[in-house]
Amino acid sequence: MAKLIDKYILGARVAPVAVISFSLFLAISAWIPFSHWPIKLAGGGTVLVLAAFVLAQIARDAGKAIEGPLWASWGGPPTVRMLRHRDTTFDPGLKGRIHRRLVELRVVERMPSEAEEETDPAGADRVYTTCSGWLRNKALELKAVSPFDVVHAENIAYGFRRNLLGIRPYGLAILGVAVAVTVAAFFFGREPIIELCGIALVGTFLVLGVNEAALRRAANEYSIRLLNAVEAIPLPRTPAPKAGSGIKKPRSPAKS
């Protein structure tokens, strides 16, 4: 039950389904007389919530399906990209402190130098990917503690945007059905003007507010918050085995 009401599941998985289902709820409501509004509210609301929970996993899968290709088109996962020396999101001084802190936290034995990153970018990205995964897990572990409560909120916002973009095609299809069902109600003596306006608002949001640019902004904001919080992670008190950096040192020229 605790997992069912987890803030991330509600905000990142259930909420996107509720958004795209809302237009259908309004379309059904258009056929119920206004005098029966308690039935509209209770019955329709219950169906909407249940459907959102049931379809939450579909929203997550749809979001994950678009995530990889989008990251590739952005130049890599946002956190990995921002850890690179050649990325300019953070100034060199702050990025250096982030790199040193990750070593102090024993996430990796050492971070790639700028020269090593240029020589072996794939090897450097393997190190940054290790750091990114470790940071995400640590942020979830500390999500109840400041500043990771804000990091977690940004993660929910990113998950909401990602999953909503993933199911946006279904939302537009549902929107078309909802418009047709609601307009049909006018021909049977009903006047569902409020419902039609609500559907129009949902459609406007899906068309103008749900897009790759909005998702990328949310992804960047989450990664910036995550990396800025690295210095708030307590240092380990017990010795831990060192992990290799994954970067191959340049070979010395052979002596003739």
Protein backbone atom coordinates (compact mmCIF):
# COMPACT_ATOMS: atom_id res chain seq x y z
CA MET A 1 0.00 0.00 0.00
CA ALA A 2 2.92 2.33 0.77
CA LYS A 3 4.23 1.91 -2.74
CA LEU A 4 0.78 2.56 -4.17
CA ILE A 5 0.70 6.05 -2.67
CA ASP A 6 4.37 6.86 -3.25
CA LYS A 7 4.78 10.50 -4.34
CA TYR A 8 6.82 9.52 -7.38
CA ILE A 9 4.25 6.99 -8.60
CA LEU A 10 1.44 9.50 -8.09
CA GLY A 11 3.21 12.43 -9.70
CA ALA A 12 5.17 10.76 -12.48
CA ARG A 13 2.96 7.81 -13.48
CA VAL A 14 -0.62 8.27 -12.28
CA ALA A 15 -0.88 12.01 -12.99
CA PRO A 16 -0.02 11.74 -16.74
CA VAL A 17 -2.74 9.12 -17.21
CA ALA A 18 -5.20 11.30 -15.28
CA VAL A 19 -4.42 14.22 -17.60
CA ILE A 20 -5.10 12.32 -20.82
CA SER A 21 -8.17 10.58 -19.32
CA PHE A 22 -9.75 13.78 -18.08
CA SER A 23 -11.18 14.69 -21.48
CA LEU A 24 -12.95 11.32 -21.64
CA PHE A 25 -14.34 11.88 -18.15
CA LEU A 26 -15.71 15.24 -19.33
CA ALA A 27 -17.23 13.64 -22.44
CA ILE A 28 -19.10 11.07 -20.35
CA SER A 29 -20.15 13.81 -17.96
CA ALA A 30 -21.72 15.69 -20.90
CA TRP A 31 -24.40 13.00 -21.15
CA ILE A 32 -25.37 13.07 -17.48
CA PRO A 33 -27.96 15.73 -16.53
CA PHE A 34 -26.55 18.59 -14.49
CA SER A 35 -29.09 17.85 -11.75
CA HIS A 36 -27.22 14.59 -11.16
CA TRP A 37 -23.89 16.32 -10.51
CA PRO A 38 -23.11 14.22 -7.39
CA ILE A 39 -23.18 11.15 -9.63
CA LYS A 40 -20.94 12.93 -12.11
CA LEU A 41 -18.44 13.84 -9.42
CA ALA A 42 -18.38 10.62 -7.44
CA GLY A 43 -18.79 8.10 -10.24
CA GLY A 44 -16.65 9.84 -12.82
CA GLY A 45 -13.95 10.70 -10.31
CA THR A 46 -13.74 7.11 -9.09
CA VAL A 47 -13.44 5.75 -12.63
CA LEU A 48 -10.80 8.35 -13.46
CA VAL A 49 -8.65 7.53 -10.42
CA LEU A 50 -8.93 3.76 -10.88
CA ALA A 51 -8.08 4.00 -14.57
CA ALA A 52 -5.09 6.20 -13.79
CA PHE A 53 -3.68 3.69 -11.30
CA VAL A 54 -4.29 0.73 -13.60
CA LEU A 55 -2.67 2.41 -16.60
CA ALA A 56 0.22 3.98 -14.65
CA GLN A 57 2.67 1.26 -15.69
CA ILE A 58 1.78 1.79 -19.36
CA ALA A 59 2.66 5.46 -18.95
CA ARG A 60 6.01 4.54 -17.40
CA ASP A 61 6.82 2.08 -20.19
CA ALA A 62 5.87 4.63 -22.86
CA GLY A 63 8.08 7.23 -21.21
CA LYS A 64 11.03 4.87 -20.97
CA ALA A 65 10.62 3.95 -24.64
CA ILE A 66 11.22 7.53 -25.77
CA GLU A 67 13.89 8.35 -23.18
CA GLY A 68 16.85 6.56 -24.77
CA PRO A 69 16.42 8.00 -28.29
CA LEU A 70 15.88 11.48 -26.85
CA TRP A 71 19.01 11.26 -24.70
CA ALA A 72 20.99 10.19 -27.74
CA SER A 73 19.72 13.20 -29.71
CA TRP A 74 20.69 15.48 -26.79
CA GLY A 75 24.26 14.21 -26.73
CA GLY A 76 23.81 11.72 -23.90
CA PRO A 77 21.96 11.44 -20.58
CA PRO A 78 21.80 14.92 -19.02
CA THR A 79 23.77 14.10 -15.86
CA VAL A 80 26.46 12.28 -17.83
CA ARG A 81 26.67 15.14 -20.30
CA MET A 82 27.05 17.72 -17.53
CA LEU A 83 29.90 15.80 -15.92
CA ARG A 84 31.97 16.07 -19.09
CA HIS A 85 34.76 18.62 -19.11
CA ARG A 86 33.62 19.88 -22.51
CA ASP A 87 30.08 20.60 -21.30
CA THR A 88 29.55 24.23 -20.24
CA THR A 89 26.52 23.87 -17.93
CA PHE A 90 28.79 24.26 -14.88
CA ASP A 91 31.81 26.51 -14.72
CA PRO A 92 35.15 24.65 -14.50
CA GLY A 93 35.68 25.48 -10.82
CA LEU A 94 32.34 24.07 -9.69
CA LYS A 95 32.68 21.06 -11.97
CA GLY A 96 36.10 20.37 -10.48
CA ARG A 97 34.60 20.37 -6.98
CA ILE A 98 31.87 17.97 -8.11
CA HIS A 99 34.48 15.62 -9.60
CA ARG A 100 36.62 15.74 -6.44
CA ARG A 101 33.61 15.07 -4.24
CA LEU A 102 32.67 11.98 -6.24
CA VAL A 103 36.19 10.65 -5.71
CA GLU A 104 36.01 11.49 -1.98
CA LEU A 105 32.72 9.59 -1.84
CA ARG A 106 34.57 6.61 -3.37
CA VAL A 107 32.18 6.33 -6.27
CA VAL A 108 35.20 5.89 -8.53
CA GLU A 109 38.94 5.82 -7.89
CA ARG A 110 39.49 8.94 -9.94
CA MET A 111 37.76 11.06 -12.55
CA PRO A 112 39.02 11.44 -16.11
CA SER A 113 41.16 14.45 -16.85
CA GLU A 114 40.25 16.75 -19.71
CA ALA A 115 42.98 15.19 -21.85
CA GLU A 116 41.83 11.65 -21.04
CA GLU A 117 38.26 12.55 -21.88
CA GLU A 118 39.37 13.93 -25.23
CA THR A 119 41.48 10.82 -25.96
CA ASP A 120 38.89 8.28 -24.80
CA PRO A 121 35.41 9.89 -24.65
CA ALA A 122 33.63 6.52 -24.46
CA GLY A 123 35.78 5.46 -21.50
CA ALA A 124 35.15 8.78 -19.78
CA ASP A 125 31.40 8.40 -20.32
CA ARG A 126 31.51 4.99 -18.63
CA VAL A 127 32.91 6.67 -15.53
CA TYR A 128 30.33 9.46 -15.69
CA THR A 129 27.55 6.89 -16.15
CA THR A 130 28.72 5.07 -13.02
CA CYS A 131 28.69 8.36 -11.10
CA SER A 132 25.27 9.31 -12.48
CA GLY A 133 23.68 6.01 -11.49
CA TRP A 134 25.22 6.16 -8.02
CA LEU A 135 24.01 9.72 -7.52
CA ARG A 136 20.45 8.92 -8.57
CA ASN A 137 20.30 6.00 -6.13
CA LYS A 138 21.79 8.07 -3.32
CA ALA A 139 19.34 10.90 -4.01
CA LEU A 140 16.43 8.47 -3.67
CA GLU A 141 17.90 7.16 -0.44
CA LEU A 142 18.14 10.72 0.96
CA LYS A 143 14.94 12.09 -0.61
CA ALA A 144 13.47 13.07 2.76
CA VAL A 145 16.51 15.20 3.63
CA SER A 146 17.30 18.69 2.33
CA PRO A 147 18.46 19.41 -0.38
CA PHE A 148 17.46 16.02 -1.78
CA ASP A 149 13.78 16.68 -1.16
CA VAL A 150 14.02 19.34 -3.88
CA VAL A 151 16.01 16.95 -6.09
CA HIS A 152 13.25 14.36 -5.67
CA ALA A 153 10.60 16.93 -6.58
CA GLU A 154 12.52 17.72 -9.79
CA ASN A 155 12.78 14.00 -10.53
CA ILE A 156 8.99 13.70 -10.21
CA ALA A 157 8.55 16.69 -12.54
CA TYR A 158 10.87 15.07 -15.09
CA GLY A 159 9.08 11.72 -14.81
CA PHE A 160 5.71 13.43 -15.30
CA ARG A 161 6.93 15.24 -18.42
CA ARG A 162 8.61 12.16 -19.86
CA ASN A 163 5.70 9.80 -19.33
CA LEU A 164 3.15 12.34 -20.52
CA LEU A 165 5.12 12.87 -23.73
CA GLY A 166 5.30 9.09 -24.15
CA ILE A 167 1.51 8.66 -23.95
CA ARG A 168 0.70 11.92 -25.76
CA PRO A 169 -0.40 10.09 -28.97
CA TYR A 170 -2.96 8.14 -26.90
CA GLY A 171 -4.04 11.38 -25.27
CA LEU A 172 -4.68 13.04 -28.62
CA ALA A 173 -6.68 10.03 -29.80
CA ILE A 174 -8.77 10.09 -26.61
CA LEU A 175 -9.20 13.83 -27.09
CA GLY A 176 -10.65 13.30 -30.57
CA VAL A 177 -13.13 10.76 -29.25
CA ALA A 178 -14.05 13.05 -26.36
CA VAL A 179 -14.74 15.98 -28.69
CA ALA A 180 -16.97 13.83 -30.92
CA VAL A 181 -18.92 12.40 -27.96
CA THR A 182 -19.37 15.82 -26.38
CA VAL A 183 -20.45 17.57 -29.59
CA ALA A 184 -22.94 14.75 -30.22
CA ALA A 185 -24.61 15.60 -26.90
CA PHE A 186 -25.74 18.95 -28.36
CA PHE A 187 -27.90 17.09 -30.88
CA PHE A 188 -29.77 15.37 -28.05
CA GLY A 189 -30.89 18.48 -26.25
CA ARG A 190 -27.96 18.83 -23.89
CA GLU A 191 -25.67 21.84 -23.51
CA PRO A 192 -22.29 20.58 -22.30
CA ILE A 193 -20.53 23.91 -22.79
CA ILE A 194 -18.47 23.59 -19.60
CA GLU A 195 -17.34 20.10 -20.57
CA LEU A 196 -16.40 21.22 -24.08
CA CYS A 197 -14.35 24.12 -22.67
CA GLY A 198 -12.59 21.72 -20.32
CA ILE A 199 -11.76 19.39 -23.20
CA ALA A 200 -10.42 22.36 -25.16
CA LEU A 201 -8.11 23.24 -22.26
CA VAL A 202 -6.79 19.67 -22.07
CA GLY A 203 -6.23 19.69 -25.83
CA THR A 204 -4.38 23.01 -25.68
CA PHE A 205 -2.07 21.65 -23.00
CA LEU A 206 -1.37 18.42 -24.91
CA VAL A 207 -0.64 20.28 -28.15
CA LEU A 208 1.32 23.26 -26.84
CA GLY A 209 2.64 22.21 -23.43
CA VAL A 210 3.71 18.61 -23.93
CA ASN A 211 6.80 18.52 -26.15
CA GLU A 212 10.46 17.62 -26.27
CA ALA A 213 11.62 21.12 -25.34
CA ALA A 214 9.62 21.08 -22.10
CA LEU A 215 10.93 17.60 -21.27
CA ARG A 216 14.52 18.65 -21.90
CA ARG A 217 14.16 21.65 -19.59
CA ALA A 218 12.84 19.37 -16.84
CA ALA A 219 15.66 16.86 -17.42
CA ASN A 220 18.31 19.57 -17.25
CA GLU A 221 16.82 21.09 -14.11
CA TYR A 222 16.82 17.71 -12.37
CA SER A 223 20.44 17.00 -13.33
CA ILE A 224 21.59 20.46 -12.22
CA ARG A 225 19.88 20.03 -8.85
CA LEU A 226 21.32 16.53 -8.48
CA LEU A 227 24.90 17.57 -9.18
CA ASN A 228 24.64 20.70 -7.05
CA ALA A 229 23.60 18.51 -4.12
CA VAL A 230 26.62 16.20 -4.31
CA GLU A 231 28.52 18.11 -1.61
CA ALA A 232 25.64 17.50 0.81
CA ILE A 233 26.22 13.73 0.71
CA PRO A 234 28.07 12.59 3.86
CA LEU A 235 31.51 11.12 3.30
CA PRO A 236 31.88 7.40 4.06
CA ARG A 237 33.36 6.58 7.46
CA THR A 238 34.65 3.11 6.69
CA PRO A 239 37.20 2.11 4.07
CA ALA A 240 35.75 0.84 0.83
CA PRO A 241 37.34 -0.96 -2.13
CA LYS A 242 38.34 1.43 -4.86
CA ALA A 243 36.66 1.23 -8.25
CA GLY A 244 38.66 1.63 -11.42
CA SER A 245 38.10 4.76 -13.44
CA GLY A 246 37.73 2.96 -16.73
CA ILE A 247 40.18 5.33 -18.41
CA LYS A 248 43.22 3.92 -20.06
CA LYS A 249 46.41 5.89 -19.50
CA PRO A 250 48.21 6.94 -22.66
CA ARG A 251 51.12 4.66 -23.42
CA SER A 252 54.58 6.08 -23.26
CA PRO A 253 56.36 6.19 -26.61
CA ALA A 254 58.53 3.15 -27.14
CA LYS A 255 62.24 3.78 -26.81
CA SER A 256 64.20 3.01 -29.88
